[in-house]
Amino acid sequence: MSQTLSPLANEIYRQLVRHLKAGGDLISYADLARAVAKKVPAHHRSPSFHAALTELTEACRFNRVPALPAIVTRASANKPGSGYYAVAHPRAKTDDARIAAWTREHASVLENANAYPASL
């Protein structure tokens, strides 16, 4: 069984891997959308952009690599939006549990930067 990413999710993946391998540890939703929009139409507040991030999180889980969207954050808070937690850590029910789960996932993404293939 395999998953095929949508063009938007694929471009998000490509940009996140590029950012990560260049030494980046966090990127805002807006900055990511701007980078992605050079190839695929994207806006950081669009439902399709967030659906593609969900798709990418699910593909990372399927491929047994840390959820790469853990490096995408709200610029004002330097942490992900609520949609990330609902998909990546659905069993984390309190704010403290969500932040702890994200912190672990974020560290795992950084530690495994070289584990991400060219495409999922």
PDB file of N, CA and C in Angstrom:
ATOM      1  N   MET A   1       0.847  -1.189   0.000  1.00  0.00           N
ATOM      2  CA  MET A   1       0.000   0.000   0.000  1.00  0.00           C
ATOM      3  C   MET A   1       0.886   1.243   0.000  1.00  0.00           C
ATOM      4  N   SER A   2       0.514   2.234  -0.780  1.00  0.00           N
ATOM      5  CA  SER A   2       1.271   3.476  -0.796  1.00  0.00           C
ATOM      6  C   SER A   2       0.301   4.640  -0.918  1.00  0.00           C
ATOM      7  N   GLN A   3       0.808   5.802  -0.666  1.00  0.00           N
ATOM      8  CA  GLN A   3       0.005   7.003  -0.772  1.00  0.00           C
ATOM      9  C   GLN A   3       0.610   7.891  -1.844  1.00  0.00           C
ATOM     10  N   THR A   4      -0.237   8.568  -2.593  1.00  0.00           N
ATOM     11  CA  THR A   4       0.217   9.554  -3.557  1.00  0.00           C
ATOM     12  C   THR A   4      -0.237  10.906  -3.043  1.00  0.00           C
ATOM     13  N   LEU A   5       0.716  11.799  -2.880  1.00  0.00           N
ATOM     14  CA  LEU A   5       0.388  13.130  -2.380  1.00  0.00           C
ATOM     15  C   LEU A   5      -0.206  13.996  -3.482  1.00  0.00           C
ATOM     16  N   SER A   6      -1.098  14.876  -3.102  1.00  0.00           N
ATOM     17  CA  SER A   6      -1.622  15.869  -4.035  1.00  0.00           C
ATOM     18  C   SER A   6      -0.476  16.785  -4.455  1.00  0.00           C
ATOM     19  N   PRO A   7      -0.622  17.494  -5.571  1.00  0.00           N
ATOM     20  CA  PRO A   7       0.440  18.425  -5.977  1.00  0.00           C
ATOM     21  C   PRO A   7       0.780  19.451  -4.886  1.00  0.00           C
ATOM     22  N   LEU A   8      -0.236  19.962  -4.192  1.00  0.00           N
ATOM     23  CA  LEU A   8       0.019  20.942  -3.131  1.00  0.00           C
ATOM     24  C   LEU A   8       0.775  20.307  -1.970  1.00  0.00           C
ATOM     25  N   ALA A   9       0.340  19.142  -1.510  1.00  0.00           N
ATOM     26  CA  ALA A   9       1.040  18.465  -0.405  1.00  0.00           C
ATOM     27  C   ALA A   9       2.458  18.086  -0.822  1.00  0.00           C
ATOM     28  N   ASN A  10       2.631  17.673  -2.057  1.00  0.00           N
ATOM     29  CA  ASN A  10       3.962  17.316  -2.545  1.00  0.00           C
ATOM     30  C   ASN A  10       4.893  18.530  -2.537  1.00  0.00           C
ATOM     31  N   GLU A  11       4.396  19.676  -2.959  1.00  0.00           N
ATOM     32  CA  GLU A  11       5.227  20.887  -2.964  1.00  0.00           C
ATOM     33  C   GLU A  11       5.510  21.360  -1.541  1.00  0.00           C
ATOM     34  N   ILE A  12       4.548  21.227  -0.651  1.00  0.00           N
ATOM     35  CA  ILE A  12       4.788  21.558   0.758  1.00  0.00           C
ATOM     36  C   ILE A  12       5.895  20.656   1.292  1.00  0.00           C
ATOM     37  N   TYR A  13       5.800  19.376   1.004  1.00  0.00           N
ATOM     38  CA  TYR A  13       6.841  18.435   1.444  1.00  0.00           C
ATOM     39  C   TYR A  13       8.203  18.864   0.913  1.00  0.00           C
ATOM     40  N   ARG A  14       8.261  19.148  -0.385  1.00  0.00           N
ATOM     41  CA  ARG A  14       9.530  19.542  -1.005  1.00  0.00           C
ATOM     42  C   ARG A  14      10.119  20.787  -0.327  1.00  0.00           C
ATOM     43  N   GLN A  15       9.283  21.773  -0.069  1.00  0.00           N
ATOM     44  CA  GLN A  15       9.751  23.010   0.566  1.00  0.00           C
ATOM     45  C   GLN A  15      10.181  22.765   2.012  1.00  0.00           C
ATOM     46  N   LEU A  16       9.439  21.934   2.737  1.00  0.00           N
ATOM     47  CA  LEU A  16       9.818  21.665   4.128  1.00  0.00           C
ATOM     48  C   LEU A  16      11.124  20.891   4.217  1.00  0.00           C
ATOM     49  N   VAL A  17      11.314  19.919   3.355  1.00  0.00           N
ATOM     50  CA  VAL A  17      12.581  19.171   3.350  1.00  0.00           C
ATOM     51  C   VAL A  17      13.732  20.112   3.004  1.00  0.00           C
ATOM     52  N   ARG A  18      13.525  20.960   2.015  1.00  0.00           N
ATOM     53  CA  ARG A  18      14.560  21.939   1.636  1.00  0.00           C
ATOM     54  C   ARG A  18      14.893  22.843   2.822  1.00  0.00           C
ATOM     55  N   HIS A  19      13.870  23.355   3.482  1.00  0.00           N
ATOM     56  CA  HIS A  19      14.063  24.239   4.637  1.00  0.00           C
ATOM     57  C   HIS A  19      14.811  23.514   5.761  1.00  0.00           C
ATOM     58  N   LEU A  20      14.404  22.301   6.034  1.00  0.00           N
ATOM     59  CA  LEU A  20      15.013  21.507   7.103  1.00  0.00           C
ATOM     60  C   LEU A  20      16.474  21.207   6.798  1.00  0.00           C
ATOM     61  N   LYS A  21      16.759  20.785   5.575  1.00  0.00           N
ATOM     62  CA  LYS A  21      18.135  20.431   5.205  1.00  0.00           C
ATOM     63  C   LYS A  21      19.037  21.652   5.091  1.00  0.00           C
ATOM     64  N   ALA A  22      18.447  22.851   4.977  1.00  0.00           N
ATOM     65  CA  ALA A  22      19.222  24.092   4.975  1.00  0.00           C
ATOM     66  C   ALA A  22      19.485  24.581   6.397  1.00  0.00           C
ATOM     67  N   GLY A  23      19.042  23.800   7.386  1.00  0.00           N
ATOM     68  CA  GLY A  23      19.296  24.157   8.773  1.00  0.00           C
ATOM     69  C   GLY A  23      18.155  24.868   9.459  1.00  0.00           C
ATOM     70  N   GLY A  24      17.030  25.017   8.780  1.00  0.00           N
ATOM     71  CA  GLY A  24      15.880  25.673   9.387  1.00  0.00           C
ATOM     72  C   GLY A  24      15.209  24.767  10.403  1.00  0.00           C
ATOM     73  N   ASP A  25      14.787  25.349  11.513  1.00  0.00           N
ATOM     74  CA  ASP A  25      14.113  24.530  12.530  1.00  0.00           C
ATOM     75  C   ASP A  25      12.629  24.835  12.628  1.00  0.00           C
ATOM     76  N   LEU A  26      12.206  26.040  12.254  1.00  0.00           N
ATOM     77  CA  LEU A  26      10.799  26.425  12.237  1.00  0.00           C
ATOM     78  C   LEU A  26      10.547  27.262  10.993  1.00  0.00           C
ATOM     79  N   ILE A  27       9.321  27.219  10.491  1.00  0.00           N
ATOM     80  CA  ILE A  27       8.901  28.087   9.392  1.00  0.00           C
ATOM     81  C   ILE A  27       7.439  28.432   9.641  1.00  0.00           C
ATOM     82  N   SER A  28       7.082  29.670   9.412  1.00  0.00           N
ATOM     83  CA  SER A  28       5.692  30.076   9.644  1.00  0.00           C
ATOM     84  C   SER A  28       4.807  29.575   8.509  1.00  0.00           C
ATOM     85  N   TYR A  29       3.524  29.448   8.804  1.00  0.00           N
ATOM     86  CA  TYR A  29       2.571  29.056   7.777  1.00  0.00           C
ATOM     87  C   TYR A  29       2.657  30.022   6.593  1.00  0.00           C
ATOM     88  N   ALA A  30       2.748  31.319   6.876  1.00  0.00           N
ATOM     89  CA  ALA A  30       2.792  32.325   5.808  1.00  0.00           C
ATOM     90  C   ALA A  30       4.042  32.180   4.953  1.00  0.00           C
ATOM     91  N   ASP A  31       5.201  32.012   5.590  1.00  0.00           N
ATOM     92  CA  ASP A  31       6.445  31.865   4.823  1.00  0.00           C
ATOM     93  C   ASP A  31       6.426  30.584   3.989  1.00  0.00           C
ATOM     94  N   LEU A  32       5.898  29.520   4.547  1.00  0.00           N
ATOM     95  CA  LEU A  32       5.791  28.272   3.796  1.00  0.00           C
ATOM     96  C   LEU A  32       4.862  28.463   2.597  1.00  0.00           C
ATOM     97  N   ALA A  33       3.717  29.077   2.812  1.00  0.00           N
ATOM     98  CA  ALA A  33       2.773  29.287   1.708  1.00  0.00           C
ATOM     99  C   ALA A  33       3.388  30.145   0.610  1.00  0.00           C
ATOM    100  N   ARG A  34       4.162  31.162   0.977  1.00  0.00           N
ATOM    101  CA  ARG A  34       4.825  32.002  -0.027  1.00  0.00           C
ATOM    102  C   ARG A  34       5.815  31.171  -0.859  1.00  0.00           C
ATOM    103  N   ALA A  35       6.571  30.312  -0.196  1.00  0.00           N
ATOM    104  CA  ALA A  35       7.537  29.470  -0.911  1.00  0.00           C
ATOM    105  C   ALA A  35       6.820  28.488  -1.832  1.00  0.00           C
ATOM    106  N   VAL A  36       5.770  27.886  -1.341  1.00  0.00           N
ATOM    107  CA  VAL A  36       5.002  26.908  -2.116  1.00  0.00           C
ATOM    108  C   VAL A  36       4.325  27.579  -3.307  1.00  0.00           C
ATOM    109  N   ALA A  37       3.814  28.795  -3.108  1.00  0.00           N
ATOM    110  CA  ALA A  37       3.055  29.497  -4.145  1.00  0.00           C
ATOM    111  C   ALA A  37       3.890  29.826  -5.376  1.00  0.00           C
ATOM    112  N   LYS A  38       5.193  29.713  -5.284  1.00  0.00           N
ATOM    113  CA  LYS A  38       6.037  29.930  -6.467  1.00  0.00           C
ATOM    114  C   LYS A  38       5.818  28.823  -7.500  1.00  0.00           C
ATOM    115  N   LYS A  39       5.327  27.662  -7.038  1.00  0.00           N
ATOM    116  CA  LYS A  39       5.087  26.525  -7.940  1.00  0.00           C
ATOM    117  C   LYS A  39       3.624  26.094  -7.984  1.00  0.00           C
ATOM    118  N   VAL A  40       2.945  26.166  -6.842  1.00  0.00           N
ATOM    119  CA  VAL A  40       1.552  25.710  -6.738  1.00  0.00           C
ATOM    120  C   VAL A  40       0.778  26.785  -5.977  1.00  0.00           C
ATOM    121  N   PRO A  41      -0.386  27.202  -6.472  1.00  0.00           N
ATOM    122  CA  PRO A  41      -1.151  28.226  -5.753  1.00  0.00           C
ATOM    123  C   PRO A  41      -1.384  27.823  -4.290  1.00  0.00           C
ATOM    124  N   ALA A  42      -1.077  28.743  -3.390  1.00  0.00           N
ATOM    125  CA  ALA A  42      -1.221  28.460  -1.958  1.00  0.00           C
ATOM    126  C   ALA A  42      -1.369  29.763  -1.185  1.00  0.00           C
ATOM    127  N   HIS A  43      -2.174  29.707  -0.155  1.00  0.00           N
ATOM    128  CA  HIS A  43      -2.300  30.812   0.799  1.00  0.00           C
ATOM    129  C   HIS A  43      -2.366  30.190   2.186  1.00  0.00           C
ATOM    130  N   HIS A  44      -1.669  30.786   3.129  1.00  0.00           N
ATOM    131  CA  HIS A  44      -1.549  30.178   4.458  1.00  0.00           C
ATOM    132  C   HIS A  44      -2.867  30.058   5.224  1.00  0.00           C
ATOM    133  N   ARG A  45      -3.888  30.747   4.791  1.00  0.00           N
ATOM    134  CA  ARG A  45      -5.179  30.639   5.485  1.00  0.00           C
ATOM    135  C   ARG A  45      -6.202  29.815   4.705  1.00  0.00           C
ATOM    136  N   SER A  46      -5.818  29.288   3.565  1.00  0.00           N
ATOM    137  CA  SER A  46      -6.797  28.561   2.759  1.00  0.00           C
ATOM    138  C   SER A  46      -7.033  27.156   3.298  1.00  0.00           C
ATOM    139  N   PRO A  47      -8.273  26.692   3.230  1.00  0.00           N
ATOM    140  CA  PRO A  47      -8.566  25.326   3.668  1.00  0.00           C
ATOM    141  C   PRO A  47      -7.753  24.279   2.901  1.00  0.00           C
ATOM    142  N   SER A  48      -7.492  24.520   1.619  1.00  0.00           N
ATOM    143  CA  SER A  48      -6.728  23.539   0.837  1.00  0.00           C
ATOM    144  C   SER A  48      -5.285  23.441   1.323  1.00  0.00           C
ATOM    145  N   PHE A  49      -4.718  24.538   1.777  1.00  0.00           N
ATOM    146  CA  PHE A  49      -3.355  24.531   2.310  1.00  0.00           C
ATOM    147  C   PHE A  49      -3.306  23.687   3.584  1.00  0.00           C
ATOM    148  N   HIS A  50      -4.272  23.878   4.463  1.00  0.00           N
ATOM    149  CA  HIS A  50      -4.294  23.116   5.713  1.00  0.00           C
ATOM    150  C   HIS A  50      -4.664  21.657   5.474  1.00  0.00           C
ATOM    151  N   ALA A  51      -5.503  21.396   4.480  1.00  0.00           N
ATOM    152  CA  ALA A  51      -5.812  20.008   4.117  1.00  0.00           C
ATOM    153  C   ALA A  51      -4.553  19.311   3.596  1.00  0.00           C
ATOM    154  N   ALA A  52      -3.732  20.032   2.850  1.00  0.00           N
ATOM    155  CA  ALA A  52      -2.487  19.454   2.342  1.00  0.00           C
ATOM    156  C   ALA A  52      -1.504  19.179   3.485  1.00  0.00           C
ATOM    157  N   LEU A  53      -1.473  20.035   4.493  1.00  0.00           N
ATOM    158  CA  LEU A  53      -0.629  19.767   5.667  1.00  0.00           C
ATOM    159  C   LEU A  53      -1.115  18.525   6.402  1.00  0.00           C
ATOM    160  N   THR A  54      -2.436  18.353   6.495  1.00  0.00           N
ATOM    161  CA  THR A  54      -3.001  17.139   7.093  1.00  0.00           C
ATOM    162  C   THR A  54      -2.589  15.921   6.284  1.00  0.00           C
ATOM    163  N   GLU A  55      -2.726  16.026   4.980  1.00  0.00           N
ATOM    164  CA  GLU A  55      -2.342  14.939   4.077  1.00  0.00           C
ATOM    165  C   GLU A  55      -0.870  14.573   4.270  1.00  0.00           C
ATOM    166  N   LEU A  56      -0.041  15.575   4.409  1.00  0.00           N
ATOM    167  CA  LEU A  56       1.389  15.337   4.598  1.00  0.00           C
ATOM    168  C   LEU A  56       1.676  14.683   5.950  1.00  0.00           C
ATOM    169  N   THR A  57       1.004  15.121   6.993  1.00  0.00           N
ATOM    170  CA  THR A  57       1.173  14.494   8.308  1.00  0.00           C
ATOM    171  C   THR A  57       0.803  13.020   8.234  1.00  0.00           C
ATOM    172  N   GLU A  58      -0.318  12.724   7.590  1.00  0.00           N
ATOM    173  CA  GLU A  58      -0.745  11.330   7.444  1.00  0.00           C
ATOM    174  C   GLU A  58       0.248  10.519   6.619  1.00  0.00           C
ATOM    175  N   ALA A  59       0.808  11.110   5.574  1.00  0.00           N
ATOM    176  CA  ALA A  59       1.805  10.417   4.745  1.00  0.00           C
ATOM    177  C   ALA A  59       3.084  10.151   5.528  1.00  0.00           C
ATOM    178  N   CYS A  60       3.477  11.098   6.363  1.00  0.00           N
ATOM    179  CA  CYS A  60       4.657  10.881   7.214  1.00  0.00           C
ATOM    180  C   CYS A  60       4.411   9.711   8.155  1.00  0.00           C
ATOM    181  N   ARG A  61       3.246   9.670   8.769  1.00  0.00           N
ATOM    182  CA  ARG A  61       2.909   8.559   9.662  1.00  0.00           C
ATOM    183  C   ARG A  61       2.939   7.238   8.891  1.00  0.00           C
ATOM    184  N   PHE A  62       2.344   7.229   7.706  1.00  0.00           N
ATOM    185  CA  PHE A  62       2.297   6.031   6.874  1.00  0.00           C
ATOM    186  C   PHE A  62       3.706   5.536   6.539  1.00  0.00           C
ATOM    187  N   ASN A  63       4.614   6.485   6.281  1.00  0.00           N
ATOM    188  CA  ASN A  63       5.991   6.152   5.901  1.00  0.00           C
ATOM    189  C   ASN A  63       6.936   6.033   7.092  1.00  0.00           C
ATOM    190  N   ARG A  64       6.380   6.119   8.284  1.00  0.00           N
ATOM    191  CA  ARG A  64       7.129   5.939   9.536  1.00  0.00           C
ATOM    192  C   ARG A  64       8.314   6.905   9.681  1.00  0.00           C
ATOM    193  N   VAL A  65       8.042   8.154   9.347  1.00  0.00           N
ATOM    194  CA  VAL A  65       8.999   9.231   9.614  1.00  0.00           C
ATOM    195  C   VAL A  65       8.271  10.265  10.466  1.00  0.00           C
ATOM    196  N   PRO A  66       9.003  11.046  11.255  1.00  0.00           N
ATOM    197  CA  PRO A  66       8.342  12.074  12.064  1.00  0.00           C
ATOM    198  C   PRO A  66       7.521  13.021  11.185  1.00  0.00           C
ATOM    199  N   ALA A  67       6.437  13.520  11.728  1.00  0.00           N
ATOM    200  CA  ALA A  67       5.539  14.406  10.981  1.00  0.00           C
ATOM    201  C   ALA A  67       6.224  15.730  10.683  1.00  0.00           C
ATOM    202  N   LEU A  68       6.636  15.879   9.453  1.00  0.00           N
ATOM    203  CA  LEU A  68       7.367  17.067   9.020  1.00  0.00           C
ATOM    204  C   LEU A  68       6.618  18.373   9.293  1.00  0.00           C
ATOM    205  N   PRO A  69       5.287  18.420   9.222  1.00  0.00           N
ATOM    206  CA  PRO A  69       4.594  19.666   9.553  1.00  0.00           C
ATOM    207  C   PRO A  69       4.827  20.157  10.989  1.00  0.00           C
ATOM    208  N   ALA A  70       5.499  19.390  11.814  1.00  0.00           N
ATOM    209  CA  ALA A  70       5.827  19.856  13.171  1.00  0.00           C
ATOM    210  C   ALA A  70       6.738  21.079  13.157  1.00  0.00           C
ATOM    211  N   ILE A  71       7.383  21.369  12.022  1.00  0.00           N
ATOM    212  CA  ILE A  71       8.251  22.556  11.975  1.00  0.00           C
ATOM    213  C   ILE A  71       7.490  23.795  11.511  1.00  0.00           C
ATOM    214  N   VAL A  72       6.201  23.636  11.178  1.00  0.00           N
ATOM    215  CA  VAL A  72       5.392  24.756  10.701  1.00  0.00           C
ATOM    216  C   VAL A  72       4.632  25.356  11.880  1.00  0.00           C
ATOM    217  N   THR A  73       4.787  26.666  12.060  1.00  0.00           N
ATOM    218  CA  THR A  73       4.204  27.314  13.232  1.00  0.00           C
ATOM    219  C   THR A  73       3.487  28.614  12.880  1.00  0.00           C
ATOM    220  N   ARG A  74       2.668  29.046  13.807  1.00  0.00           N
ATOM    221  CA  ARG A  74       2.079  30.378  13.701  1.00  0.00           C
ATOM    222  C   ARG A  74       3.185  31.377  14.038  1.00  0.00           C
ATOM    223  N   ALA A  75       3.332  32.387  13.229  1.00  0.00           N
ATOM    224  CA  ALA A  75       4.401  33.370  13.439  1.00  0.00           C
ATOM    225  C   ALA A  75       4.262  34.067  14.783  1.00  0.00           C
ATOM    226  N   SER A  76       3.045  34.286  15.231  1.00  0.00           N
ATOM    227  CA  SER A  76       2.819  35.025  16.476  1.00  0.00           C
ATOM    228  C   SER A  76       3.104  34.196  17.719  1.00  0.00           C
ATOM    229  N   ALA A  77       3.128  32.873  17.582  1.00  0.00           N
ATOM    230  CA  ALA A  77       3.252  32.034  18.775  1.00  0.00           C
ATOM    231  C   ALA A  77       4.416  31.048  18.733  1.00  0.00           C
ATOM    232  N   ASN A  78       5.044  30.887  17.565  1.00  0.00           N
ATOM    233  CA  ASN A  78       6.115  29.894  17.407  1.00  0.00           C
ATOM    234  C   ASN A  78       5.696  28.501  17.854  1.00  0.00           C
ATOM    235  N   LYS A  79       4.439  28.176  17.579  1.00  0.00           N
ATOM    236  CA  LYS A  79       3.942  26.815  17.787  1.00  0.00           C
ATOM    237  C   LYS A  79       2.846  26.588  16.758  1.00  0.00           C
ATOM    238  N   PRO A  80       2.539  25.339  16.477  1.00  0.00           N
ATOM    239  CA  PRO A  80       1.525  25.055  15.460  1.00  0.00           C
ATOM    240  C   PRO A  80       0.134  25.520  15.862  1.00  0.00           C
ATOM    241  N   GLY A  81      -0.716  25.613  14.861  1.00  0.00           N
ATOM    242  CA  GLY A  81      -2.116  25.908  15.104  1.00  0.00           C
ATOM    243  C   GLY A  81      -2.843  24.665  15.592  1.00  0.00           C
ATOM    244  N   SER A  82      -4.071  24.835  16.003  1.00  0.00           N
ATOM    245  CA  SER A  82      -4.840  23.736  16.587  1.00  0.00           C
ATOM    246  C   SER A  82      -5.047  22.571  15.627  1.00  0.00           C
ATOM    247  N   GLY A  83      -5.107  22.838  14.338  1.00  0.00           N
ATOM    248  CA  GLY A  83      -5.294  21.766  13.361  1.00  0.00           C
ATOM    249  C   GLY A  83      -4.168  20.752  13.376  1.00  0.00           C
ATOM    250  N   TYR A  84      -2.947  21.208  13.630  1.00  0.00           N
ATOM    251  CA  TYR A  84      -1.807  20.292  13.699  1.00  0.00           C
ATOM    252  C   TYR A  84      -2.020  19.264  14.806  1.00  0.00           C
ATOM    253  N   TYR A  85      -2.398  19.733  15.975  1.00  0.00           N
ATOM    254  CA  TYR A  85      -2.542  18.838  17.127  1.00  0.00           C
ATOM    255  C   TYR A  85      -3.654  17.810  16.890  1.00  0.00           C
ATOM    256  N   ALA A  86      -4.747  18.254  16.278  1.00  0.00           N
ATOM    257  CA  ALA A  86      -5.875  17.354  16.031  1.00  0.00           C
ATOM    258  C   ALA A  86      -5.478  16.186  15.139  1.00  0.00           C
ATOM    259  N   VAL A  87      -4.582  16.433  14.194  1.00  0.00           N
ATOM    260  CA  VAL A  87      -4.155  15.387  13.262  1.00  0.00           C
ATOM    261  C   VAL A  87      -2.948  14.615  13.789  1.00  0.00           C
ATOM    262  N   ALA A  88      -1.944  15.331  14.243  1.00  0.00           N
ATOM    263  CA  ALA A  88      -0.681  14.688  14.628  1.00  0.00           C
ATOM    264  C   ALA A  88      -0.729  14.052  16.014  1.00  0.00           C
ATOM    265  N   HIS A  89      -1.502  14.625  16.925  1.00  0.00           N
ATOM    266  CA  HIS A  89      -1.540  14.140  18.315  1.00  0.00           C
ATOM    267  C   HIS A  89      -2.968  14.135  18.852  1.00  0.00           C
ATOM    268  N   PRO A  90      -3.849  13.356  18.229  1.00  0.00           N
ATOM    269  CA  PRO A  90      -5.264  13.400  18.617  1.00  0.00           C
ATOM    270  C   PRO A  90      -5.547  12.939  20.042  1.00  0.00           C
ATOM    271  N   ARG A  91      -4.641  12.174  20.631  1.00  0.00           N
ATOM    272  CA  ARG A  91      -4.885  11.707  22.008  1.00  0.00           C
ATOM    273  C   ARG A  91      -4.430  12.712  23.057  1.00  0.00           C
ATOM    274  N   ALA A  92      -3.718  13.746  22.647  1.00  0.00           N
ATOM    275  CA  ALA A  92      -3.285  14.786  23.586  1.00  0.00           C
ATOM    276  C   ALA A  92      -4.477  15.712  23.835  1.00  0.00           C
ATOM    277  N   LYS A  93      -5.009  15.663  25.028  1.00  0.00           N
ATOM    278  CA  LYS A  93      -6.258  16.376  25.329  1.00  0.00           C
ATOM    279  C   LYS A  93      -6.079  17.710  26.042  1.00  0.00           C
ATOM    280  N   THR A  94      -4.956  17.921  26.701  1.00  0.00           N
ATOM    281  CA  THR A  94      -4.728  19.187  27.402  1.00  0.00           C
ATOM    282  C   THR A  94      -3.691  20.002  26.647  1.00  0.00           C
ATOM    283  N   ASP A  95      -3.655  21.298  26.928  1.00  0.00           N
ATOM    284  CA  ASP A  95      -2.639  22.144  26.293  1.00  0.00           C
ATOM    285  C   ASP A  95      -1.240  21.643  26.616  1.00  0.00           C
ATOM    286  N   ASP A  96      -1.003  21.271  27.872  1.00  0.00           N
ATOM    287  CA  ASP A  96       0.322  20.776  28.261  1.00  0.00           C
ATOM    288  C   ASP A  96       0.675  19.504  27.504  1.00  0.00           C
ATOM    289  N   ALA A  97      -0.271  18.599  27.345  1.00  0.00           N
ATOM    290  CA  ALA A  97      -0.019  17.347  26.618  1.00  0.00           C
ATOM    291  C   ALA A  97       0.243  17.626  25.145  1.00  0.00           C
ATOM    292  N   ARG A  98      -0.505  18.570  24.558  1.00  0.00           N
ATOM    293  CA  ARG A  98      -0.292  18.909  23.145  1.00  0.00           C
ATOM    294  C   ARG A  98       1.090  19.526  22.936  1.00  0.00           C
ATOM    295  N   ILE A  99       1.474  20.445  23.801  1.00  0.00           N
ATOM    296  CA  ILE A  99       2.794  21.089  23.668  1.00  0.00           C
ATOM    297  C   ILE A  99       3.907  20.072  23.869  1.00  0.00           C
ATOM    298  N   ALA A 100       3.748  19.184  24.831  1.00  0.00           N
ATOM    299  CA  ALA A 100       4.771  18.152  25.073  1.00  0.00           C
ATOM    300  C   ALA A 100       4.894  17.225  23.868  1.00  0.00           C
ATOM    301  N   ALA A 101       3.762  16.815  23.293  1.00  0.00           N
ATOM    302  CA  ALA A 101       3.795  15.932  22.122  1.00  0.00           C
ATOM    303  C   ALA A 101       4.434  16.638  20.936  1.00  0.00           C
ATOM    304  N   TRP A 102       4.072  17.906  20.719  1.00  0.00           N
ATOM    305  CA  TRP A 102       4.674  18.670  19.622  1.00  0.00           C
ATOM    306  C   TRP A 102       6.178  18.851  19.846  1.00  0.00           C
ATOM    307  N   THR A 103       6.589  19.163  21.063  1.00  0.00           N
ATOM    308  CA  THR A 103       8.008  19.361  21.359  1.00  0.00           C
ATOM    309  C   THR A 103       8.804  18.103  21.031  1.00  0.00           C
ATOM    310  N   ARG A 104       8.273  16.941  21.408  1.00  0.00           N
ATOM    311  CA  ARG A 104       8.950  15.674  21.081  1.00  0.00           C
ATOM    312  C   ARG A 104       9.003  15.444  19.572  1.00  0.00           C
ATOM    313  N   GLU A 105       7.891  15.700  18.901  1.00  0.00           N
ATOM    314  CA  GLU A 105       7.832  15.489  17.449  1.00  0.00           C
ATOM    315  C   GLU A 105       8.785  16.438  16.736  1.00  0.00           C
ATOM    316  N   HIS A 106       8.777  17.701  17.153  1.00  0.00           N
ATOM    317  CA  HIS A 106       9.667  18.694  16.544  1.00  0.00           C
ATOM    318  C   HIS A 106      11.123  18.265  16.691  1.00  0.00           C
ATOM    319  N   ALA A 107      11.507  17.839  17.878  1.00  0.00           N
ATOM    320  CA  ALA A 107      12.885  17.371  18.104  1.00  0.00           C
ATOM    321  C   ALA A 107      13.197  16.165  17.230  1.00  0.00           C
ATOM    322  N   SER A 108      12.248  15.273  17.069  1.00  0.00           N
ATOM    323  CA  SER A 108      12.447  14.087  16.238  1.00  0.00           C
ATOM    324  C   SER A 108      12.619  14.458  14.767  1.00  0.00           C
ATOM    325  N   VAL A 109      11.853  15.439  14.300  1.00  0.00           N
ATOM    326  CA  VAL A 109      12.013  15.916  12.917  1.00  0.00           C
ATOM    327  C   VAL A 109      13.438  16.437  12.724  1.00  0.00           C
ATOM    328  N   LEU A 110      13.904  17.267  13.647  1.00  0.00           N
ATOM    329  CA  LEU A 110      15.246  17.836  13.526  1.00  0.00           C
ATOM    330  C   LEU A 110      16.320  16.758  13.593  1.00  0.00           C
ATOM    331  N   GLU A 111      16.155  15.800  14.493  1.00  0.00           N
ATOM    332  CA  GLU A 111      17.140  14.715  14.632  1.00  0.00           C
ATOM    333  C   GLU A 111      17.187  13.805  13.413  1.00  0.00           C
ATOM    334  N   ASN A 112      16.085  13.705  12.708  1.00  0.00           N
ATOM    335  CA  ASN A 112      15.981  12.798  11.565  1.00  0.00           C
ATOM    336  C   ASN A 112      15.940  13.535  10.233  1.00  0.00           C
ATOM    337  N   ALA A 113      16.519  14.710  10.181  1.00  0.00           N
ATOM    338  CA  ALA A 113      16.463  15.538   8.966  1.00  0.00           C
ATOM    339  C   ALA A 113      16.937  14.788   7.730  1.00  0.00           C
ATOM    340  N   ASN A 114      17.905  13.939   7.863  1.00  0.00           N
ATOM    341  CA  ASN A 114      18.435  13.213   6.717  1.00  0.00           C
ATOM    342  C   ASN A 114      17.644  11.964   6.376  1.00  0.00           C
ATOM    343  N   ALA A 115      16.624  11.632   7.156  1.00  0.00           N
ATOM    344  CA  ALA A 115      15.830  10.419   6.921  1.00  0.00           C
ATOM    345  C   ALA A 115      14.721  10.650   5.896  1.00  0.00           C
ATOM    346  N   TYR A 116      14.445  11.908   5.564  1.00  0.00           N
ATOM    347  CA  TYR A 116      13.351  12.181   4.648  1.00  0.00           C
ATOM    348  C   TYR A 116      13.799  11.941   3.210  1.00  0.00           C
ATOM    349  N   PRO A 117      13.067  11.080   2.498  1.00  0.00           N
ATOM    350  CA  PRO A 117      13.413  10.824   1.100  1.00  0.00           C
ATOM    351  C   PRO A 117      13.078  12.032   0.226  1.00  0.00           C
ATOM    352  N   ALA A 118      13.525  11.997  -1.004  1.00  0.00           N
ATOM    353  CA  ALA A 118      13.250  13.097  -1.926  1.00  0.00           C
ATOM    354  C   ALA A 118      11.749  13.319  -2.108  1.00  0.00           C
ATOM    355  N   SER A 119      10.986  12.239  -2.021  1.00  0.00           N
ATOM    356  CA  SER A 119       9.529  12.365  -2.093  1.00  0.00           C
ATOM    357  C   SER A 119       8.916  11.246  -1.253  1.00  0.00           C
ATOM    358  N   LEU A 120       7.698  11.469  -0.811  1.00  0.00           N
ATOM    359  CA  LEU A 120       6.971  10.449  -0.038  1.00  0.00           C
ATOM    360  C   LEU A 120       6.017   9.711  -0.964  1.00  0.00           C
TER     361      LEU A 120
END
